[in-house]
């Protein structure tokens, strides 16, 4: 049930959206596919599903080449795009039955009933899709993606725009079905990554910059210190960049900056001394751990 992506490249005109991307999603694995807006996540997912044809490279789904056997490979994939395209003037059960029949599912009524129960749509099944909340619309889209019992499930921002309760419910659902499927999902919510993912692949500017288990990802910058300083008056970024031995400085809003460095001494003491020399008054200073959020930020906003 694995998905193997090998050296995929995809361009739109002169813009190279995906550049030599390779990674593998393993059986029964929840793989988090992360990256900032415009990094190439959705393009990569659409190449895997066969919606886009890659300029070069190869994708295999459960051992089947998607270019050589496109219909056979698509039968193995369930896909929930970021913008869930539903027929809002259809009723939930009617909609799912239509797609069950289009997929030539034997005993479609029984399969639809199973999906309605699995995704918690029992009370909503006789309502128009257009009257549902976004959370329930996501459940309908997920039900449709699961109707043909695919071996691979690809979810593009499945919890985007949902309230906290709906997010937790979708997470629980993803976790419950992961035992029997390979799941690739993209998200901007780092808490989802920490609670759901077995492994994370990070893409930036069309290239893979990380492919690690969560624990290894967090230890990737273990030799670096991260310190956040809020100043009384903004010293301006160009002045702060004159401080020696600092690897990165990021603005976090008015008069607030993050500093990272590999120096041996406590970075707080070092920066306090440098600020005193330059008469930069500090309102607050503290050291942070290398969280998933910080590692993601470093990998997608720097040359690292």
C-alpha atoms as a PDB file:
ATOM      1  CA  UNK A   1       0.000   0.000   0.000  1.00  0.00           C
ATOM      2  CA  UNK A   2       2.980   2.326  -0.289  1.00  0.00           C
ATOM      3  CA  UNK A   3       3.256   5.426  -2.454  1.00  0.00           C
ATOM      4  CA  UNK A   4       6.639   6.027  -4.079  1.00  0.00           C
ATOM      5  CA  UNK A   5       7.392   9.434  -5.582  1.00  0.00           C
ATOM      6  CA  UNK A   6      10.624   9.597  -7.569  1.00  0.00           C
ATOM      7  CA  UNK A   7      12.181  12.797  -8.939  1.00  0.00           C
ATOM      8  CA  UNK A   8       8.905  14.550  -9.774  1.00  0.00           C
ATOM      9  CA  UNK A   9       9.169  17.894 -11.551  1.00  0.00           C
ATOM     10  CA  UNK A  10       6.206  20.019 -12.599  1.00  0.00           C
ATOM     11  CA  UNK A  11       6.226  23.496 -14.154  1.00  0.00           C
ATOM     12  CA  UNK A  12       3.535  25.965 -15.102  1.00  0.00           C
ATOM     13  CA  UNK A  13       4.971  28.155 -17.824  1.00  0.00           C
ATOM     14  CA  UNK A  14       8.271  29.493 -16.523  1.00  0.00           C
ATOM     15  CA  UNK A  15       7.428  28.710 -12.886  1.00  0.00           C
ATOM     16  CA  UNK A  16       8.777  25.412 -11.548  1.00  0.00           C
ATOM     17  CA  UNK A  17       6.211  24.475  -8.896  1.00  0.00           C
ATOM     18  CA  UNK A  18       7.792  21.128  -7.983  1.00  0.00           C
ATOM     19  CA  UNK A  19      11.497  20.494  -8.511  1.00  0.00           C
ATOM     20  CA  UNK A  20      12.923  16.948  -8.322  1.00  0.00           C
ATOM     21  CA  UNK A  21      10.718  15.804  -5.431  1.00  0.00           C
ATOM     22  CA  UNK A  22      11.167  12.286  -4.042  1.00  0.00           C
ATOM     23  CA  UNK A  23       9.717  10.579  -0.952  1.00  0.00           C
ATOM     24  CA  UNK A  24       7.830   7.445   0.083  1.00  0.00           C
ATOM     25  CA  UNK A  25       4.636   7.037   2.102  1.00  0.00           C
ATOM     26  CA  UNK A  26       4.635   3.645   3.803  1.00  0.00           C
ATOM     27  CA  UNK A  27       1.739   1.256   4.524  1.00  0.00           C
ATOM     28  CA  UNK A  28      -0.403   2.178   7.574  1.00  0.00           C
ATOM     29  CA  UNK A  29       1.554   5.428   7.957  1.00  0.00           C
ATOM     30  CA  UNK A  30       0.177   8.918   8.511  1.00  0.00           C
ATOM     31  CA  UNK A  31       2.570  11.145   6.610  1.00  0.00           C
ATOM     32  CA  UNK A  32       2.385  14.888   7.237  1.00  0.00           C
ATOM     33  CA  UNK A  33       3.182  16.852   4.081  1.00  0.00           C
ATOM     34  CA  UNK A  34       4.055  20.386   5.149  1.00  0.00           C
ATOM     35  CA  UNK A  35       5.155  23.613   3.567  1.00  0.00           C
ATOM     36  CA  UNK A  36       4.293  27.322   3.376  1.00  0.00           C
ATOM     37  CA  UNK A  37       1.751  28.624   0.878  1.00  0.00           C
ATOM     38  CA  UNK A  38       3.001  28.172  -2.671  1.00  0.00           C
ATOM     39  CA  UNK A  39       5.650  25.615  -1.668  1.00  0.00           C
ATOM     40  CA  UNK A  40       4.337  22.898  -4.014  1.00  0.00           C
ATOM     41  CA  UNK A  41       2.221  20.743  -1.675  1.00  0.00           C
ATOM     42  CA  UNK A  42      -1.029  20.797  -3.634  1.00  0.00           C
ATOM     43  CA  UNK A  43       0.760  20.408  -6.972  1.00  0.00           C
ATOM     44  CA  UNK A  44       2.570  17.320  -5.668  1.00  0.00           C
ATOM     45  CA  UNK A  45      -0.687  15.840  -4.376  1.00  0.00           C
ATOM     46  CA  UNK A  46      -2.410  16.456  -7.701  1.00  0.00           C
ATOM     47  CA  UNK A  47       0.455  14.726  -9.506  1.00  0.00           C
ATOM     48  CA  UNK A  48       0.084  11.689  -7.206  1.00  0.00           C
ATOM     49  CA  UNK A  49      -3.655  11.513  -7.896  1.00  0.00           C
ATOM     50  CA  UNK A  50      -3.140  11.860 -11.648  1.00  0.00           C
ATOM     51  CA  UNK A  51      -4.916  15.220 -11.832  1.00  0.00           C
ATOM     52  CA  UNK A  52      -1.654  16.750 -13.125  1.00  0.00           C
ATOM     53  CA  UNK A  53       0.858  14.936 -15.290  1.00  0.00           C
ATOM     54  CA  UNK A  54       4.435  15.495 -14.152  1.00  0.00           C
ATOM     55  CA  UNK A  55       6.964  16.912 -16.619  1.00  0.00           C
ATOM     56  CA  UNK A  56       9.388  14.240 -15.460  1.00  0.00           C
ATOM     57  CA  UNK A  57       9.701  11.631 -12.738  1.00  0.00           C
ATOM     58  CA  UNK A  58       7.619   8.673 -11.663  1.00  0.00           C
ATOM     59  CA  UNK A  59       4.869   7.874  -9.152  1.00  0.00           C
ATOM     60  CA  UNK A  60       3.885   4.362  -8.081  1.00  0.00           C
ATOM     61  CA  UNK A  61       0.789   3.640  -6.017  1.00  0.00           C
ATOM     62  CA  UNK A  62       0.817   0.174  -4.461  1.00  0.00           C
ATOM     63  CA  UNK A  63       3.286  -0.922  -7.124  1.00  0.00           C
ATOM     64  CA  UNK A  64       1.293   0.519 -10.033  1.00  0.00           C
ATOM     65  CA  UNK A  65       2.769   3.217 -12.266  1.00  0.00           C
ATOM     66  CA  UNK A  66       0.224   6.041 -12.493  1.00  0.00           C
ATOM     67  CA  UNK A  67       1.246   6.942 -16.068  1.00  0.00           C
ATOM     68  CA  UNK A  68       1.152   3.396 -17.413  1.00  0.00           C
ATOM     69  CA  UNK A  69      -2.069   2.391 -15.610  1.00  0.00           C
ATOM     70  CA  UNK A  70      -3.883   5.646 -14.713  1.00  0.00           C
ATOM     71  CA  UNK A  71      -7.357   4.178 -14.140  1.00  0.00           C
ATOM     72  CA  UNK A  72      -6.085   1.266 -12.085  1.00  0.00           C
ATOM     73  CA  UNK A  73      -3.957   3.540  -9.898  1.00  0.00           C
ATOM     74  CA  UNK A  74      -6.805   6.019  -9.357  1.00  0.00           C
ATOM     75  CA  UNK A  75      -9.039   3.228  -8.061  1.00  0.00           C
ATOM     76  CA  UNK A  76      -6.545   2.803  -5.226  1.00  0.00           C
ATOM     77  CA  UNK A  77      -6.643   6.482  -4.180  1.00  0.00           C
ATOM     78  CA  UNK A  78      -9.154   8.492  -2.178  1.00  0.00           C
ATOM     79  CA  UNK A  79      -8.663  12.259  -2.483  1.00  0.00           C
ATOM     80  CA  UNK A  80     -10.114  15.132  -0.476  1.00  0.00           C
ATOM     81  CA  UNK A  81      -8.938  18.424  -2.035  1.00  0.00           C
ATOM     82  CA  UNK A  82      -8.508  21.606  -0.029  1.00  0.00           C
ATOM     83  CA  UNK A  83     -11.583  23.195  -1.621  1.00  0.00           C
ATOM     84  CA  UNK A  84     -14.101  20.392  -1.267  1.00  0.00           C
ATOM     85  CA  UNK A  85     -16.182  20.356  -4.525  1.00  0.00           C
ATOM     86  CA  UNK A  86     -19.639  19.197  -3.426  1.00  0.00           C
ATOM     87  CA  UNK A  87     -23.033  19.414  -5.145  1.00  0.00           C
ATOM     88  CA  UNK A  88     -24.740  21.612  -2.578  1.00  0.00           C
ATOM     89  CA  UNK A  89     -28.233  21.130  -3.980  1.00  0.00           C
ATOM     90  CA  UNK A  90     -28.134  17.358  -3.365  1.00  0.00           C
ATOM     91  CA  UNK A  91     -29.006  15.533  -0.155  1.00  0.00           C
ATOM     92  CA  UNK A  92     -26.168  13.824   1.706  1.00  0.00           C
ATOM     93  CA  UNK A  93     -27.385  10.246   1.199  1.00  0.00           C
ATOM     94  CA  UNK A  94     -28.424  10.957  -2.407  1.00  0.00           C
ATOM     95  CA  UNK A  95     -24.985  12.426  -3.141  1.00  0.00           C
ATOM     96  CA  UNK A  96     -23.084   9.480  -1.675  1.00  0.00           C
ATOM     97  CA  UNK A  97     -25.320   6.943  -3.423  1.00  0.00           C
ATOM     98  CA  UNK A  98     -24.673   8.671  -6.746  1.00  0.00           C
ATOM     99  CA  UNK A  99     -20.930   8.369  -6.326  1.00  0.00           C
ATOM    100  CA  UNK A 100     -21.179   4.811  -5.026  1.00  0.00           C
ATOM    101  CA  UNK A 101     -22.969   3.837  -8.240  1.00  0.00           C
ATOM    102  CA  UNK A 102     -20.503   5.795 -10.403  1.00  0.00           C
ATOM    103  CA  UNK A 103     -17.729   3.790  -8.712  1.00  0.00           C
ATOM    104  CA  UNK A 104     -19.686   0.603  -9.504  1.00  0.00           C
ATOM    105  CA  UNK A 105     -19.680  -0.430  -5.855  1.00  0.00           C
ATOM    106  CA  UNK A 106     -21.573  -3.639  -5.208  1.00  0.00           C
ATOM    107  CA  UNK A 107     -24.439  -3.123  -2.745  1.00  0.00           C
ATOM    108  CA  UNK A 108     -24.107   0.693  -2.766  1.00  0.00           C
ATOM    109  CA  UNK A 109     -26.805   1.254  -0.113  1.00  0.00           C
ATOM    110  CA  UNK A 110     -24.924  -0.825   2.443  1.00  0.00           C
ATOM    111  CA  UNK A 111     -21.625   0.902   1.655  1.00  0.00           C
ATOM    112  CA  UNK A 112     -23.162   4.375   1.944  1.00  0.00           C
ATOM    113  CA  UNK A 113     -24.742   3.433   5.276  1.00  0.00           C
ATOM    114  CA  UNK A 114     -21.332   2.258   6.487  1.00  0.00           C
ATOM    115  CA  UNK A 115     -19.652   5.525   5.466  1.00  0.00           C
ATOM    116  CA  UNK A 116     -22.411   7.647   7.004  1.00  0.00           C
ATOM    117  CA  UNK A 117     -21.957   5.865  10.307  1.00  0.00           C
ATOM    118  CA  UNK A 118     -18.143   5.976  10.131  1.00  0.00           C
ATOM    119  CA  UNK A 119     -18.001   9.732   9.494  1.00  0.00           C
ATOM    120  CA  UNK A 120     -20.788  10.694  11.926  1.00  0.00           C
ATOM    121  CA  UNK A 121     -23.319  11.830   9.327  1.00  0.00           C
ATOM    122  CA  UNK A 122     -26.301   9.820  10.579  1.00  0.00           C
ATOM    123  CA  UNK A 123     -28.290  12.851  11.764  1.00  0.00           C
ATOM    124  CA  UNK A 124     -27.372  14.864   8.666  1.00  0.00           C
ATOM    125  CA  UNK A 125     -27.910  12.241   5.964  1.00  0.00           C
ATOM    126  CA  UNK A 126     -31.287  13.589   4.812  1.00  0.00           C
ATOM    127  CA  UNK A 127     -30.231  17.250   4.715  1.00  0.00           C
ATOM    128  CA  UNK A 128     -29.194  19.298   1.710  1.00  0.00           C
ATOM    129  CA  UNK A 129     -25.396  19.564   1.545  1.00  0.00           C
ATOM    130  CA  UNK A 130     -25.727  23.335   1.095  1.00  0.00           C
ATOM    131  CA  UNK A 131     -27.309  23.646   4.538  1.00  0.00           C
ATOM    132  CA  UNK A 132     -24.487  21.841   6.360  1.00  0.00           C
ATOM    133  CA  UNK A 133     -21.710  23.481   8.370  1.00  0.00           C
ATOM    134  CA  UNK A 134     -18.214  23.322   6.931  1.00  0.00           C
ATOM    135  CA  UNK A 135     -17.309  20.554   9.380  1.00  0.00           C
ATOM    136  CA  UNK A 136     -20.111  18.319   8.117  1.00  0.00           C
ATOM    137  CA  UNK A 137     -19.273  19.171   4.508  1.00  0.00           C
ATOM    138  CA  UNK A 138     -15.756  17.927   5.184  1.00  0.00           C
ATOM    139  CA  UNK A 139     -17.255  14.698   6.515  1.00  0.00           C
ATOM    140  CA  UNK A 140     -19.286  14.327   3.323  1.00  0.00           C
ATOM    141  CA  UNK A 141     -16.138  14.842   1.237  1.00  0.00           C
ATOM    142  CA  UNK A 142     -14.253  12.332   3.353  1.00  0.00           C
ATOM    143  CA  UNK A 143     -17.099   9.826   3.004  1.00  0.00           C
ATOM    144  CA  UNK A 144     -16.959  10.223  -0.765  1.00  0.00           C
ATOM    145  CA  UNK A 145     -13.180   9.725  -0.764  1.00  0.00           C
ATOM    146  CA  UNK A 146     -13.594   6.511   1.245  1.00  0.00           C
ATOM    147  CA  UNK A 147     -16.568   5.037  -0.631  1.00  0.00           C
ATOM    148  CA  UNK A 148     -14.535   2.764  -2.899  1.00  0.00           C
ATOM    149  CA  UNK A 149     -12.354   1.628   0.030  1.00  0.00           C
ATOM    150  CA  UNK A 150      -9.060   3.011  -1.326  1.00  0.00           C
ATOM    151  CA  UNK A 151      -5.723   1.785  -0.043  1.00  0.00           C
ATOM    152  CA  UNK A 152      -4.268   5.322  -0.141  1.00  0.00           C
ATOM    153  CA  UNK A 153      -5.969   8.447   1.230  1.00  0.00           C
ATOM    154  CA  UNK A 154      -4.729  11.910   0.273  1.00  0.00           C
ATOM    155  CA  UNK A 155      -6.093  14.833   2.296  1.00  0.00           C
ATOM    156  CA  UNK A 156      -5.274  18.444   1.435  1.00  0.00           C
ATOM    157  CA  UNK A 157      -5.869  20.710   4.462  1.00  0.00           C
ATOM    158  CA  UNK A 158      -8.736  18.520   5.793  1.00  0.00           C
ATOM    159  CA  UNK A 159      -9.338  20.654   8.907  1.00  0.00           C
ATOM    160  CA  UNK A 160      -8.978  24.093   7.336  1.00  0.00           C
ATOM    161  CA  UNK A 161     -11.645  26.494   8.608  1.00  0.00           C
ATOM    162  CA  UNK A 162     -13.116  24.111  11.190  1.00  0.00           C
ATOM    163  CA  UNK A 163     -13.806  24.950  14.821  1.00  0.00           C
ATOM    164  CA  UNK A 164     -11.769  23.202  17.587  1.00  0.00           C
ATOM    165  CA  UNK A 165     -14.373  20.495  18.197  1.00  0.00           C
ATOM    166  CA  UNK A 166     -14.694  19.712  14.500  1.00  0.00           C
ATOM    167  CA  UNK A 167     -10.900  19.609  14.146  1.00  0.00           C
ATOM    168  CA  UNK A 168     -10.623  17.052  16.944  1.00  0.00           C
ATOM    169  CA  UNK A 169     -13.389  14.927  15.426  1.00  0.00           C
ATOM    170  CA  UNK A 170     -11.706  14.869  11.998  1.00  0.00           C
ATOM    171  CA  UNK A 171      -8.367  14.027  13.632  1.00  0.00           C
ATOM    172  CA  UNK A 172      -9.945  11.121  15.504  1.00  0.00           C
ATOM    173  CA  UNK A 173     -11.494   9.906  12.275  1.00  0.00           C
ATOM    174  CA  UNK A 174      -8.173  10.082  10.409  1.00  0.00           C
ATOM    175  CA  UNK A 175      -6.476   8.173  13.218  1.00  0.00           C
ATOM    176  CA  UNK A 176      -9.155   5.484  13.249  1.00  0.00           C
ATOM    177  CA  UNK A 177      -8.861   4.719   9.513  1.00  0.00           C
ATOM    178  CA  UNK A 178      -5.054   4.914   9.350  1.00  0.00           C
ATOM    179  CA  UNK A 179      -4.587   1.303  10.498  1.00  0.00           C
ATOM    180  CA  UNK A 180      -5.742   0.009   7.129  1.00  0.00           C
ATOM    181  CA  UNK A 181      -4.540   2.751   4.778  1.00  0.00           C
ATOM    182  CA  UNK A 182      -1.593   4.881   3.785  1.00  0.00           C
ATOM    183  CA  UNK A 183      -2.494   8.506   4.537  1.00  0.00           C
ATOM    184  CA  UNK A 184      -0.802  11.603   3.160  1.00  0.00           C
ATOM    185  CA  UNK A 185      -2.185  14.872   4.457  1.00  0.00           C
ATOM    186  CA  UNK A 186      -1.130  18.486   4.337  1.00  0.00           C
ATOM    187  CA  UNK A 187      -1.806  20.970   7.108  1.00  0.00           C
ATOM    188  CA  UNK A 188      -0.656  24.309   8.527  1.00  0.00           C
ATOM    189  CA  UNK A 189      -1.634  23.263  12.059  1.00  0.00           C
ATOM    190  CA  UNK A 190       1.483  22.057  13.865  1.00  0.00           C
ATOM    191  CA  UNK A 191      -0.560  20.485  16.668  1.00  0.00           C
ATOM    192  CA  UNK A 192      -1.994  18.095  14.099  1.00  0.00           C
ATOM    193  CA  UNK A 193       1.493  17.156  13.028  1.00  0.00           C
ATOM    194  CA  UNK A 194       2.533  16.375  16.592  1.00  0.00           C
ATOM    195  CA  UNK A 195      -0.582  14.394  17.478  1.00  0.00           C
ATOM    196  CA  UNK A 196      -1.204  12.528  14.209  1.00  0.00           C
ATOM    197  CA  UNK A 197       1.924  12.069  12.140  1.00  0.00           C
ATOM    198  CA  UNK A 198       4.359   9.187  12.157  1.00  0.00           C
ATOM    199  CA  UNK A 199       6.661  11.091   9.824  1.00  0.00           C
ATOM    200  CA  UNK A 200       6.909  14.540   8.259  1.00  0.00           C
ATOM    201  CA  UNK A 201       8.009  15.640   4.800  1.00  0.00           C
ATOM    202  CA  UNK A 202       8.571  19.392   4.431  1.00  0.00           C
ATOM    203  CA  UNK A 203       8.645  21.076   1.028  1.00  0.00           C
ATOM    204  CA  UNK A 204       9.828  24.621   0.363  1.00  0.00           C
ATOM    205  CA  UNK A 205      10.121  26.402  -2.979  1.00  0.00           C
ATOM    206  CA  UNK A 206       9.318  23.134  -4.742  1.00  0.00           C
ATOM    207  CA  UNK A 207      12.070  21.110  -3.064  1.00  0.00           C
ATOM    208  CA  UNK A 208      12.082  18.668  -0.138  1.00  0.00           C
ATOM    209  CA  UNK A 209      13.966  20.178   2.816  1.00  0.00           C
ATOM    210  CA  UNK A 210      13.150  17.531   5.454  1.00  0.00           C
ATOM    211  CA  UNK A 211      11.955  13.929   5.613  1.00  0.00           C
ATOM    212  CA  UNK A 212      12.072  12.720   9.220  1.00  0.00           C
ATOM    213  CA  UNK A 213      10.100  11.191  12.092  1.00  0.00           C
ATOM    214  CA  UNK A 214       8.793  13.853  14.486  1.00  0.00           C
ATOM    215  CA  UNK A 215      11.389  13.106  17.189  1.00  0.00           C
ATOM    216  CA  UNK A 216      14.288  13.348  14.750  1.00  0.00           C
ATOM    217  CA  UNK A 217      12.878  16.521  13.229  1.00  0.00           C
ATOM    218  CA  UNK A 218      12.815  18.238  16.621  1.00  0.00           C
ATOM    219  CA  UNK A 219      16.427  17.238  17.323  1.00  0.00           C
ATOM    220  CA  UNK A 220      17.626  18.508  13.948  1.00  0.00           C
ATOM    221  CA  UNK A 221      18.702  21.842  15.434  1.00  0.00           C
ATOM    222  CA  UNK A 222      19.629  20.516  18.882  1.00  0.00           C
ATOM    223  CA  UNK A 223      23.012  22.279  18.724  1.00  0.00           C
ATOM    224  CA  UNK A 224      21.378  25.678  18.206  1.00  0.00           C
ATOM    225  CA  UNK A 225      19.943  28.043  20.794  1.00  0.00           C
ATOM    226  CA  UNK A 226      16.830  30.093  20.159  1.00  0.00           C
ATOM    227  CA  UNK A 227      16.152  33.298  22.087  1.00  0.00           C
ATOM    228  CA  UNK A 228      13.207  35.693  21.773  1.00  0.00           C
ATOM    229  CA  UNK A 229      13.695  39.360  22.695  1.00  0.00           C
ATOM    230  CA  UNK A 230      11.074  42.079  22.954  1.00  0.00           C
ATOM    231  CA  UNK A 231      12.651  45.553  23.040  1.00  0.00           C
ATOM    232  CA  UNK A 232      11.310  48.733  24.598  1.00  0.00           C
ATOM    233  CA  UNK A 233      12.098  50.582  21.375  1.00  0.00           C
ATOM    234  CA  UNK A 234      12.618  48.861  18.050  1.00  0.00           C
ATOM    235  CA  UNK A 235      16.369  48.737  17.180  1.00  0.00           C
ATOM    236  CA  UNK A 236      15.456  47.847  13.539  1.00  0.00           C
ATOM    237  CA  UNK A 237      16.451  44.587  11.879  1.00  0.00           C
ATOM    238  CA  UNK A 238      19.341  46.022   9.872  1.00  0.00           C
ATOM    239  CA  UNK A 239      21.042  47.117  13.096  1.00  0.00           C
ATOM    240  CA  UNK A 240      20.477  43.793  14.837  1.00  0.00           C
ATOM    241  CA  UNK A 241      22.085  41.984  11.913  1.00  0.00           C
ATOM    242  CA  UNK A 242      25.390  43.603  12.858  1.00  0.00           C
ATOM    243  CA  UNK A 243      25.584  41.389  15.967  1.00  0.00           C
ATOM    244  CA  UNK A 244      28.299  38.771  15.431  1.00  0.00           C
ATOM    245  CA  UNK A 245      27.875  34.994  15.930  1.00  0.00           C
ATOM    246  CA  UNK A 246      24.146  35.053  15.155  1.00  0.00           C
ATOM    247  CA  UNK A 247      23.000  32.572  12.499  1.00  0.00           C
ATOM    248  CA  UNK A 248      19.481  33.890  11.998  1.00  0.00           C
ATOM    249  CA  UNK A 249      17.300  36.804  13.045  1.00  0.00           C
ATOM    250  CA  UNK A 250      13.559  36.919  12.339  1.00  0.00           C
ATOM    251  CA  UNK A 251      11.160  39.775  13.032  1.00  0.00           C
ATOM    252  CA  UNK A 252       8.119  38.645  15.047  1.00  0.00           C
ATOM    253  CA  UNK A 253       6.266  41.911  15.023  1.00  0.00           C
ATOM    254  CA  UNK A 254       6.953  45.384  16.342  1.00  0.00           C
ATOM    255  CA  UNK A 255      10.130  45.430  18.471  1.00  0.00           C
ATOM    256  CA  UNK A 256      10.145  41.615  18.864  1.00  0.00           C
ATOM    257  CA  UNK A 257      12.769  39.321  17.290  1.00  0.00           C
ATOM    258  CA  UNK A 258      13.992  35.736  17.390  1.00  0.00           C
ATOM    259  CA  UNK A 259      17.723  34.970  17.391  1.00  0.00           C
ATOM    260  CA  UNK A 260      19.394  31.607  16.777  1.00  0.00           C
ATOM    261  CA  UNK A 261      23.034  30.741  17.268  1.00  0.00           C
ATOM    262  CA  UNK A 262      25.407  27.807  17.781  1.00  0.00           C
ATOM    263  CA  UNK A 263      27.652  29.560  20.306  1.00  0.00           C
ATOM    264  CA  UNK A 264      28.586  27.604  23.429  1.00  0.00           C
ATOM    265  CA  UNK A 265      27.763  30.228  26.052  1.00  0.00           C
ATOM    266  CA  UNK A 266      24.192  31.027  27.064  1.00  0.00           C
ATOM    267  CA  UNK A 267      22.753  33.043  24.175  1.00  0.00           C
ATOM    268  CA  UNK A 268      20.671  35.128  26.591  1.00  0.00           C
ATOM    269  CA  UNK A 269      23.776  36.404  28.352  1.00  0.00           C
ATOM    270  CA  UNK A 270      25.556  37.042  25.078  1.00  0.00           C
ATOM    271  CA  UNK A 271      22.651  39.023  23.597  1.00  0.00           C
ATOM    272  CA  UNK A 272      22.070  40.959  26.817  1.00  0.00           C
ATOM    273  CA  UNK A 273      25.696  42.148  26.722  1.00  0.00           C
ATOM    274  CA  UNK A 274      25.438  43.093  23.037  1.00  0.00           C
ATOM    275  CA  UNK A 275      22.213  45.014  23.616  1.00  0.00           C
ATOM    276  CA  UNK A 276      23.727  46.871  26.556  1.00  0.00           C
ATOM    277  CA  UNK A 277      26.686  47.938  24.405  1.00  0.00           C
ATOM    278  CA  UNK A 278      24.279  49.395  21.842  1.00  0.00           C
ATOM    279  CA  UNK A 279      21.865  50.931  24.377  1.00  0.00           C
ATOM    280  CA  UNK A 280      19.013  48.695  23.201  1.00  0.00           C
ATOM    281  CA  UNK A 281      16.678  48.352  26.150  1.00  0.00           C
ATOM    282  CA  UNK A 282      15.137  44.907  26.634  1.00  0.00           C
ATOM    283  CA  UNK A 283      11.563  44.538  27.836  1.00  0.00           C
ATOM    284  CA  UNK A 284      11.595  40.721  27.862  1.00  0.00           C
ATOM    285  CA  UNK A 285      14.057  37.949  26.948  1.00  0.00           C
ATOM    286  CA  UNK A 286      13.612  34.177  27.062  1.00  0.00           C
ATOM    287  CA  UNK A 287      14.972  30.979  25.545  1.00  0.00           C
ATOM    288  CA  UNK A 288      12.736  28.570  23.628  1.00  0.00           C
ATOM    289  CA  UNK A 289      13.016  24.885  22.850  1.00  0.00           C
ATOM    290  CA  UNK A 290      13.277  23.617  19.301  1.00  0.00           C
ATOM    291  CA  UNK A 291       9.577  22.962  18.732  1.00  0.00           C
ATOM    292  CA  UNK A 292       8.118  21.536  15.524  1.00  0.00           C
ATOM    293  CA  UNK A 293       6.882  25.051  14.759  1.00  0.00           C
ATOM    294  CA  UNK A 294      10.367  26.519  15.094  1.00  0.00           C
ATOM    295  CA  UNK A 295      12.018  23.783  13.028  1.00  0.00           C
ATOM    296  CA  UNK A 296       9.390  24.309  10.318  1.00  0.00           C
ATOM    297  CA  UNK A 297      10.023  28.061  10.410  1.00  0.00           C
ATOM    298  CA  UNK A 298      13.783  27.627  10.096  1.00  0.00           C
ATOM    299  CA  UNK A 299      13.540  25.155   7.237  1.00  0.00           C
ATOM    300  CA  UNK A 300      11.088  27.218   5.217  1.00  0.00           C
ATOM    301  CA  UNK A 301      12.363  30.744   5.813  1.00  0.00           C
ATOM    302  CA  UNK A 302      16.111  30.295   5.561  1.00  0.00           C
ATOM    303  CA  UNK A 303      18.877  28.656   3.581  1.00  0.00           C
ATOM    304  CA  UNK A 304      19.127  25.908   6.172  1.00  0.00           C
END
